[in-house]
Amino acid sequence: MSYQWELDPSSLDDPRAIDRFWREQALSSEENREFFEGLVRGIAGRMPELDELIKKYLKNWKVDRLDKVDLALLRVAIFEMLFYKGKDPADPAVVINEALEIAKKFGTPKSAAFINGVLDNVAKDHGLSKSS
């Protein structure tokens, strides 16, 4: 969904977008919907703050120049590590590993290394340990 917002920013303000995404694209069971919606709504509500955090970890680069997949993955992973307060908060190492697997599949050849560097620094700076 975060990636979709990059392609179509108007979908961020469309209350039906989450339902439509869930029906048409999410390949998950209904039991995961609460978690998914918590992430989507949380990311949408903190987008400027997430982008500022990402900006802090970029060296000689700008957020608007990032690959759209990389930006979406960074937003989701940082939100999940720092702000998600659902019933089962994820282990930061798991969040990072999942982001890396997605980056390898959908990103550029350099995405996984780039995302790993950013997320590892976020985890370290916020007292979260990466144990993998």
Protein backbone atom coordinates (compact mmCIF):
# COMPACT_ATOMS: atom_id res chain seq x y z
CA MET A 1 0.00 0.00 0.00
CA SER A 2 2.89 2.34 0.78
CA TYR A 3 4.24 1.67 -2.71
CA GLN A 4 0.80 2.38 -4.19
CA TRP A 5 0.81 5.78 -2.50
CA GLU A 6 3.98 6.65 -4.34
CA LEU A 7 2.38 5.76 -7.65
CA ASP A 8 -0.99 7.37 -6.86
CA PRO A 9 -0.84 9.88 -3.98
CA SER A 10 -4.61 10.43 -4.16
CA SER A 11 -5.12 6.87 -2.90
CA LEU A 12 -3.79 8.04 0.47
CA ASP A 13 -6.98 10.06 0.97
CA ASP A 14 -9.36 7.44 -0.43
CA PRO A 15 -11.08 5.64 2.47
CA ARG A 16 -12.00 2.77 0.15
CA ALA A 17 -8.39 2.20 -0.91
CA ILE A 18 -7.59 -0.12 1.99
CA ASP A 19 -10.61 -2.31 1.32
CA ARG A 20 -9.91 -2.37 -2.39
CA PHE A 21 -6.25 -3.23 -1.84
CA TRP A 22 -7.18 -6.00 0.59
CA ARG A 23 -9.71 -7.53 -1.82
CA GLU A 24 -7.67 -7.21 -5.00
CA GLN A 25 -4.01 -7.45 -4.05
CA ALA A 26 -3.34 -8.65 -0.52
CA LEU A 27 -2.61 -12.33 -0.61
CA SER A 28 -3.27 -12.96 3.05
CA SER A 29 -5.85 -14.44 5.36
CA GLU A 30 -8.54 -12.35 7.00
CA GLU A 31 -6.86 -12.86 10.39
CA ASN A 32 -3.99 -10.62 9.26
CA ARG A 33 -6.24 -7.76 8.26
CA GLU A 34 -6.16 -6.01 11.65
CA PHE A 35 -2.35 -5.97 11.58
CA PHE A 36 -2.33 -4.79 7.96
CA GLU A 37 -4.81 -1.98 8.61
CA GLY A 38 -2.87 -0.89 11.70
CA LEU A 39 0.27 -0.59 9.61
CA VAL A 40 -1.43 1.19 6.72
CA ARG A 41 -3.26 3.71 8.88
CA GLY A 42 -0.21 4.26 11.07
CA ILE A 43 2.11 4.84 8.13
CA ALA A 44 -0.38 7.20 6.49
CA GLY A 45 -0.70 9.16 9.74
CA ARG A 46 3.05 9.48 10.20
CA MET A 47 4.26 9.83 6.61
CA PRO A 48 6.02 13.20 7.09
CA GLU A 49 7.66 11.99 10.30
CA LEU A 50 8.78 8.74 8.64
CA ASP A 51 10.22 10.63 5.70
CA GLU A 52 12.13 12.92 8.08
CA LEU A 53 13.57 9.89 9.84
CA ILE A 54 14.57 8.35 6.52
CA LYS A 55 16.13 11.64 5.45
CA LYS A 56 18.27 11.62 8.61
CA TYR A 57 19.91 8.36 7.50
CA LEU A 58 20.55 9.23 3.85
CA LYS A 59 24.07 10.25 2.95
CA ASN A 60 24.23 12.68 0.03
CA TRP A 61 20.80 11.57 -1.14
CA LYS A 62 17.24 12.91 -1.03
CA VAL A 63 14.03 11.05 -0.20
CA ASP A 64 12.44 12.05 -3.50
CA ARG A 65 15.33 10.41 -5.39
CA LEU A 66 14.92 7.03 -3.68
CA ASP A 67 13.63 4.06 -5.63
CA LYS A 68 9.89 3.84 -4.91
CA VAL A 69 10.15 0.25 -3.67
CA ASP A 70 13.01 1.19 -1.33
CA LEU A 71 11.09 4.16 0.05
CA ALA A 72 7.98 2.07 0.63
CA LEU A 73 9.98 -0.65 2.39
CA LEU A 74 11.79 1.86 4.59
CA ARG A 75 8.53 3.52 5.62
CA VAL A 76 6.90 0.22 6.53
CA ALA A 77 9.91 -1.19 8.37
CA ILE A 78 10.66 1.98 10.33
CA PHE A 79 7.02 2.39 11.30
CA GLU A 80 6.81 -1.21 12.41
CA MET A 81 10.04 -1.01 14.44
CA LEU A 82 9.42 2.36 16.11
CA PHE A 83 5.72 3.10 16.22
CA TYR A 84 3.52 0.02 15.76
CA LYS A 85 1.78 -0.75 19.03
CA GLY A 86 -0.39 -3.69 18.01
CA LYS A 87 -0.98 -6.75 20.13
CA ASP A 88 2.16 -8.47 18.77
CA PRO A 89 4.95 -5.95 18.14
CA ALA A 90 7.55 -7.44 15.83
CA ASP A 91 11.16 -8.11 16.67
CA PRO A 92 13.26 -5.48 14.82
CA ALA A 93 15.54 -8.20 13.45
CA VAL A 94 12.52 -9.92 11.90
CA VAL A 95 11.28 -6.63 10.44
CA ILE A 96 14.69 -5.94 8.90
CA ASN A 97 14.99 -9.45 7.49
CA GLU A 98 11.53 -9.28 5.95
CA ALA A 99 12.32 -5.91 4.38
CA LEU A 100 15.53 -7.36 2.93
CA GLU A 101 13.74 -10.35 1.42
CA ILE A 102 11.19 -8.08 -0.24
CA ALA A 103 13.96 -5.75 -1.45
CA LYS A 104 15.79 -8.67 -3.04
CA LYS A 105 12.64 -9.72 -4.87
CA PHE A 106 11.22 -6.34 -5.94
CA GLY A 107 13.99 -3.77 -5.59
CA THR A 108 17.09 -2.93 -7.56
CA PRO A 109 20.29 -5.00 -7.29
CA LYS A 110 21.54 -2.55 -4.63
CA SER A 111 18.28 -2.24 -2.67
CA ALA A 112 18.91 -4.90 -0.04
CA ALA A 113 22.31 -3.54 0.98
CA PHE A 114 21.01 0.03 1.05
CA ILE A 115 17.91 -0.86 3.10
CA ASN A 116 19.95 -3.01 5.47
CA GLY A 117 22.31 -0.11 6.15
CA VAL A 118 19.51 2.36 6.83
CA LEU A 119 17.43 0.02 8.99
CA ASP A 120 20.44 -1.22 10.94
CA ASN A 121 21.34 2.38 11.81
CA VAL A 122 17.74 3.17 12.78
CA ALA A 123 17.68 0.13 15.06
CA LYS A 124 21.02 1.02 16.67
CA ASP A 125 20.10 4.68 17.19
CA HIS A 126 16.82 3.73 18.87
CA GLY A 127 18.28 1.09 21.16
CA LEU A 128 16.86 -1.84 19.22
CA SER A 129 19.14 -4.78 18.63
CA LYS A 130 19.56 -6.60 15.35
CA SER A 131 20.24 -10.15 16.41
CA SER A 132 20.36 -11.85 13.04
